[in-house]
Amino acid sequence: MARDARTQAAYVLGTWFGCGRVPLAPGTAGTIGAIPLYLVLRPIGLWAVAVAAVVATFVGVWAASIIVDDSKLKDPQFVVIDEVAGVLVTLLVAPFSWHGILAGFVLFRFFDQVKPWPARGAEKWSRGWGVVMDDIFAGIWGAAVLAIFVHLRIVT
């Protein structure tokens, strides 16, 4: 099916440049796909990571809304820009080390799967908001727990 440029752009961004097309565990692939962006932005400063998280959130809502409408799926599993936004939120409190990145990755994936309040409820929000916001809440949970781990020097 031929798609217009806007829809094609939504698919490219929504799948995070194809990460979401991985046949097994596309959410994990999308989360891993966010790490190079973090590695480029983090040396610039936490503000750059925060801006990227906000931009990924709003671009994600836009792209996911178009994809939901186009695919007729409520929460297409191949849309992974929400994982990108969510893990960037978690990584805002991570030490800039492989331990910090790994801990942030694991905590985000855990909370993305468990979906504690209010993430589960956010899945019911309309179109792209429901696709993206549950991951933002998972990212906030991941950041909160990671901040405790950093404070207790469990993660350095």
C-alpha atoms as a PDB file:
ATOM      1  CA  MET A   1       0.000   0.000   0.000  1.00  0.00           C
ATOM      2  CA  ALA A   2       1.376   3.412  -0.986  1.00  0.00           C
ATOM      3  CA  ARG A   3       1.742   5.804   1.938  1.00  0.00           C
ATOM      4  CA  ASP A   4       2.156   9.541   1.935  1.00  0.00           C
ATOM      5  CA  ALA A   5       5.391  11.116   3.186  1.00  0.00           C
ATOM      6  CA  ARG A   6       3.856  12.015   6.572  1.00  0.00           C
ATOM      7  CA  THR A   7       2.804   8.405   7.222  1.00  0.00           C
ATOM      8  CA  GLN A   8       6.158   7.074   6.017  1.00  0.00           C
ATOM      9  CA  ALA A   9       7.975   9.482   8.363  1.00  0.00           C
ATOM     10  CA  ALA A  10       5.734   8.343  11.240  1.00  0.00           C
ATOM     11  CA  TYR A  11       6.691   4.707  10.594  1.00  0.00           C
ATOM     12  CA  VAL A  12      10.415   5.488  10.363  1.00  0.00           C
ATOM     13  CA  LEU A  13      10.379   7.458  13.621  1.00  0.00           C
ATOM     14  CA  GLY A  14       7.804   5.269  15.365  1.00  0.00           C
ATOM     15  CA  THR A  15       9.857   2.122  14.734  1.00  0.00           C
ATOM     16  CA  TRP A  16      12.964   4.088  15.742  1.00  0.00           C
ATOM     17  CA  PHE A  17      14.611   3.612  12.368  1.00  0.00           C
ATOM     18  CA  GLY A  18      13.630  -0.054  12.162  1.00  0.00           C
ATOM     19  CA  CYS A  19      14.400  -1.225  15.710  1.00  0.00           C
ATOM     20  CA  GLY A  20      10.722  -2.043  16.178  1.00  0.00           C
ATOM     21  CA  ARG A  21      10.812  -4.394  13.194  1.00  0.00           C
ATOM     22  CA  VAL A  22      13.016  -6.881  15.077  1.00  0.00           C
ATOM     23  CA  PRO A  23      10.886 -10.033  15.216  1.00  0.00           C
ATOM     24  CA  LEU A  24      11.703 -10.957  18.821  1.00  0.00           C
ATOM     25  CA  ALA A  25      11.412  -8.426  21.681  1.00  0.00           C
ATOM     26  CA  PRO A  26      10.984  -5.218  19.646  1.00  0.00           C
ATOM     27  CA  GLY A  27      10.576  -3.166  22.841  1.00  0.00           C
ATOM     28  CA  THR A  28      13.964  -4.315  24.063  1.00  0.00           C
ATOM     29  CA  ALA A  29      15.444  -3.559  20.640  1.00  0.00           C
ATOM     30  CA  GLY A  30      13.962  -0.052  20.772  1.00  0.00           C
ATOM     31  CA  THR A  31      15.395   0.478  24.240  1.00  0.00           C
ATOM     32  CA  ILE A  32      18.824  -0.633  23.036  1.00  0.00           C
ATOM     33  CA  GLY A  33      18.377   1.647  20.023  1.00  0.00           C
ATOM     34  CA  ALA A  34      18.111   4.634  22.366  1.00  0.00           C
ATOM     35  CA  ILE A  35      21.537   4.023  23.923  1.00  0.00           C
ATOM     36  CA  PRO A  36      23.598   5.552  21.053  1.00  0.00           C
ATOM     37  CA  LEU A  37      21.500   8.731  21.285  1.00  0.00           C
ATOM     38  CA  TYR A  38      22.129   8.845  25.040  1.00  0.00           C
ATOM     39  CA  LEU A  39      25.874   8.278  24.535  1.00  0.00           C
ATOM     40  CA  VAL A  40      26.032  11.211  22.112  1.00  0.00           C
ATOM     41  CA  LEU A  41      23.913  13.579  24.231  1.00  0.00           C
ATOM     42  CA  ARG A  42      25.059  12.819  27.779  1.00  0.00           C
ATOM     43  CA  PRO A  43      28.534  14.400  27.401  1.00  0.00           C
ATOM     44  CA  ILE A  44      26.780  17.602  26.281  1.00  0.00           C
ATOM     45  CA  GLY A  45      24.800  17.611  29.525  1.00  0.00           C
ATOM     46  CA  LEU A  46      21.741  16.263  31.265  1.00  0.00           C
ATOM     47  CA  TRP A  47      19.710  19.081  29.762  1.00  0.00           C
ATOM     48  CA  ALA A  48      20.378  17.606  26.285  1.00  0.00           C
ATOM     49  CA  VAL A  49      19.107  14.188  27.411  1.00  0.00           C
ATOM     50  CA  ALA A  50      16.041  15.832  28.981  1.00  0.00           C
ATOM     51  CA  VAL A  51      15.292  17.761  25.779  1.00  0.00           C
ATOM     52  CA  ALA A  52      15.648  14.542  23.764  1.00  0.00           C
ATOM     53  CA  ALA A  53      13.245  12.761  26.128  1.00  0.00           C
ATOM     54  CA  VAL A  54      10.660  15.528  25.719  1.00  0.00           C
ATOM     55  CA  VAL A  55      11.093  15.650  21.938  1.00  0.00           C
ATOM     56  CA  ALA A  56      10.886  11.840  21.671  1.00  0.00           C
ATOM     57  CA  THR A  57       7.708  11.928  23.775  1.00  0.00           C
ATOM     58  CA  PHE A  58       5.907  14.431  21.569  1.00  0.00           C
ATOM     59  CA  VAL A  59       7.238  13.038  18.292  1.00  0.00           C
ATOM     60  CA  GLY A  60       6.296   9.598  19.610  1.00  0.00           C
ATOM     61  CA  VAL A  61       2.719  10.667  20.336  1.00  0.00           C
ATOM     62  CA  TRP A  62       2.482  12.154  16.832  1.00  0.00           C
ATOM     63  CA  ALA A  63       3.981   9.102  15.093  1.00  0.00           C
ATOM     64  CA  ALA A  64       2.098   6.557  17.180  1.00  0.00           C
ATOM     65  CA  SER A  65      -1.212   8.337  16.544  1.00  0.00           C
ATOM     66  CA  ILE A  66      -0.660   8.159  12.787  1.00  0.00           C
ATOM     67  CA  ILE A  67       0.420   4.509  12.989  1.00  0.00           C
ATOM     68  CA  VAL A  68      -2.548   3.560  15.202  1.00  0.00           C
ATOM     69  CA  ASP A  69      -4.903   5.151  12.667  1.00  0.00           C
ATOM     70  CA  ASP A  70      -3.107   3.602   9.680  1.00  0.00           C
ATOM     71  CA  SER A  71      -2.643   0.093  11.103  1.00  0.00           C
ATOM     72  CA  LYS A  72      -5.943  -0.056  13.022  1.00  0.00           C
ATOM     73  CA  LEU A  73      -3.962  -1.522  15.976  1.00  0.00           C
ATOM     74  CA  LYS A  74      -4.516  -0.012  19.440  1.00  0.00           C
ATOM     75  CA  ASP A  75      -0.886  -0.455  20.573  1.00  0.00           C
ATOM     76  CA  PRO A  76       1.319  -1.685  17.715  1.00  0.00           C
ATOM     77  CA  GLN A  77       4.246  -3.571  19.232  1.00  0.00           C
ATOM     78  CA  PHE A  78       6.539  -2.343  16.446  1.00  0.00           C
ATOM     79  CA  VAL A  79       6.177   1.249  17.672  1.00  0.00           C
ATOM     80  CA  VAL A  80       9.198   1.659  19.945  1.00  0.00           C
ATOM     81  CA  ILE A  81       9.852   5.401  20.046  1.00  0.00           C
ATOM     82  CA  ASP A  82       7.942   5.223  23.344  1.00  0.00           C
ATOM     83  CA  GLU A  83      10.725   3.004  24.725  1.00  0.00           C
ATOM     84  CA  VAL A  84      13.269   5.554  23.523  1.00  0.00           C
ATOM     85  CA  ALA A  85      11.507   8.361  25.388  1.00  0.00           C
ATOM     86  CA  GLY A  86      10.970   6.243  28.510  1.00  0.00           C
ATOM     87  CA  VAL A  87      14.511   4.956  28.857  1.00  0.00           C
ATOM     88  CA  LEU A  88      15.881   8.480  28.345  1.00  0.00           C
ATOM     89  CA  VAL A  89      13.765   9.553  31.336  1.00  0.00           C
ATOM     90  CA  THR A  90      15.296   6.770  33.436  1.00  0.00           C
ATOM     91  CA  LEU A  91      18.819   7.540  32.228  1.00  0.00           C
ATOM     92  CA  LEU A  92      18.501  11.145  33.408  1.00  0.00           C
ATOM     93  CA  VAL A  93      19.563   9.965  36.869  1.00  0.00           C
ATOM     94  CA  ALA A  94      22.063   7.321  35.737  1.00  0.00           C
ATOM     95  CA  PRO A  95      25.752   7.795  36.377  1.00  0.00           C
ATOM     96  CA  PHE A  96      27.512   8.169  33.035  1.00  0.00           C
ATOM     97  CA  SER A  97      29.089   4.722  33.249  1.00  0.00           C
ATOM     98  CA  TRP A  98      28.348   1.304  31.817  1.00  0.00           C
ATOM     99  CA  HIS A  99      27.011   0.279  35.251  1.00  0.00           C
ATOM    100  CA  GLY A 100      24.653   3.248  35.248  1.00  0.00           C
ATOM    101  CA  ILE A 101      23.464   2.658  31.691  1.00  0.00           C
ATOM    102  CA  LEU A 102      22.945  -1.070  32.308  1.00  0.00           C
ATOM    103  CA  ALA A 103      21.063  -0.428  35.558  1.00  0.00           C
ATOM    104  CA  GLY A 104      18.872   2.177  33.843  1.00  0.00           C
ATOM    105  CA  PHE A 105      18.181  -0.191  30.953  1.00  0.00           C
ATOM    106  CA  VAL A 106      17.215  -3.095  33.253  1.00  0.00           C
ATOM    107  CA  LEU A 107      15.074  -0.950  35.551  1.00  0.00           C
ATOM    108  CA  PHE A 108      13.246   0.679  32.650  1.00  0.00           C
ATOM    109  CA  ARG A 109      12.544  -2.674  30.969  1.00  0.00           C
ATOM    110  CA  PHE A 110      11.315  -4.084  34.314  1.00  0.00           C
ATOM    111  CA  PHE A 111       8.889  -1.228  34.923  1.00  0.00           C
ATOM    112  CA  ASP A 112       7.809  -1.226  31.271  1.00  0.00           C
ATOM    113  CA  GLN A 113       6.786  -4.879  31.664  1.00  0.00           C
ATOM    114  CA  VAL A 114       5.237  -4.602  35.160  1.00  0.00           C
ATOM    115  CA  LYS A 115       3.463  -1.293  34.421  1.00  0.00           C
ATOM    116  CA  PRO A 116       2.914  -0.013  37.982  1.00  0.00           C
ATOM    117  CA  TRP A 117       0.467   2.817  38.633  1.00  0.00           C
ATOM    118  CA  PRO A 118      -0.182   4.987  36.672  1.00  0.00           C
ATOM    119  CA  ALA A 119       1.384   3.241  33.667  1.00  0.00           C
ATOM    120  CA  ARG A 120      -1.300   0.565  33.278  1.00  0.00           C
ATOM    121  CA  GLY A 121      -4.048   3.185  33.286  1.00  0.00           C
ATOM    122  CA  ALA A 122      -2.190   5.334  30.768  1.00  0.00           C
ATOM    123  CA  GLU A 123      -2.382   2.498  28.235  1.00  0.00           C
ATOM    124  CA  LYS A 124      -6.093   3.259  27.972  1.00  0.00           C
ATOM    125  CA  TRP A 125      -5.482   6.841  26.857  1.00  0.00           C
ATOM    126  CA  SER A 126      -6.376   7.654  23.276  1.00  0.00           C
ATOM    127  CA  ARG A 127      -4.207   6.838  20.256  1.00  0.00           C
ATOM    128  CA  GLY A 128      -0.549   7.888  20.562  1.00  0.00           C
ATOM    129  CA  TRP A 129      -0.952   9.161  24.111  1.00  0.00           C
ATOM    130  CA  GLY A 130      -1.812   5.642  25.298  1.00  0.00           C
ATOM    131  CA  VAL A 131       1.083   4.134  23.366  1.00  0.00           C
ATOM    132  CA  VAL A 132       3.695   6.567  24.728  1.00  0.00           C
ATOM    133  CA  MET A 133       2.668   7.656  28.202  1.00  0.00           C
ATOM    134  CA  ASP A 134       2.786   4.241  29.856  1.00  0.00           C
ATOM    135  CA  ASP A 135       6.486   4.168  28.928  1.00  0.00           C
ATOM    136  CA  ILE A 136       7.042   7.657  30.302  1.00  0.00           C
ATOM    137  CA  PHE A 137       5.568   6.516  33.619  1.00  0.00           C
ATOM    138  CA  ALA A 138       7.752   3.378  33.497  1.00  0.00           C
ATOM    139  CA  GLY A 139      10.707   5.697  32.877  1.00  0.00           C
ATOM    140  CA  ILE A 140       9.797   7.785  35.919  1.00  0.00           C
ATOM    141  CA  TRP A 141       9.579   4.648  38.083  1.00  0.00           C
ATOM    142  CA  GLY A 142      12.936   3.497  36.719  1.00  0.00           C
ATOM    143  CA  ALA A 143      14.469   6.904  37.472  1.00  0.00           C
ATOM    144  CA  ALA A 144      13.099   6.902  41.019  1.00  0.00           C
ATOM    145  CA  VAL A 145      14.511   3.471  41.843  1.00  0.00           C
ATOM    146  CA  LEU A 146      17.789   4.203  40.082  1.00  0.00           C
ATOM    147  CA  ALA A 147      18.138   7.448  42.044  1.00  0.00           C
ATOM    148  CA  ILE A 148      17.789   5.440  45.269  1.00  0.00           C
ATOM    149  CA  PHE A 149      20.394   2.930  44.039  1.00  0.00           C
ATOM    150  CA  VAL A 150      22.779   5.767  43.161  1.00  0.00           C
ATOM    151  CA  HIS A 151      22.209   7.457  46.536  1.00  0.00           C
ATOM    152  CA  LEU A 152      22.933   4.163  48.318  1.00  0.00           C
ATOM    153  CA  ARG A 153      25.980   3.678  46.079  1.00  0.00           C
ATOM    154  CA  ILE A 154      24.594   0.379  44.743  1.00  0.00           C
ATOM    155  CA  VAL A 155      25.089   1.813  41.240  1.00  0.00           C
ATOM    156  CA  THR A 156      28.077   4.042  40.517  1.00  0.00           C
END
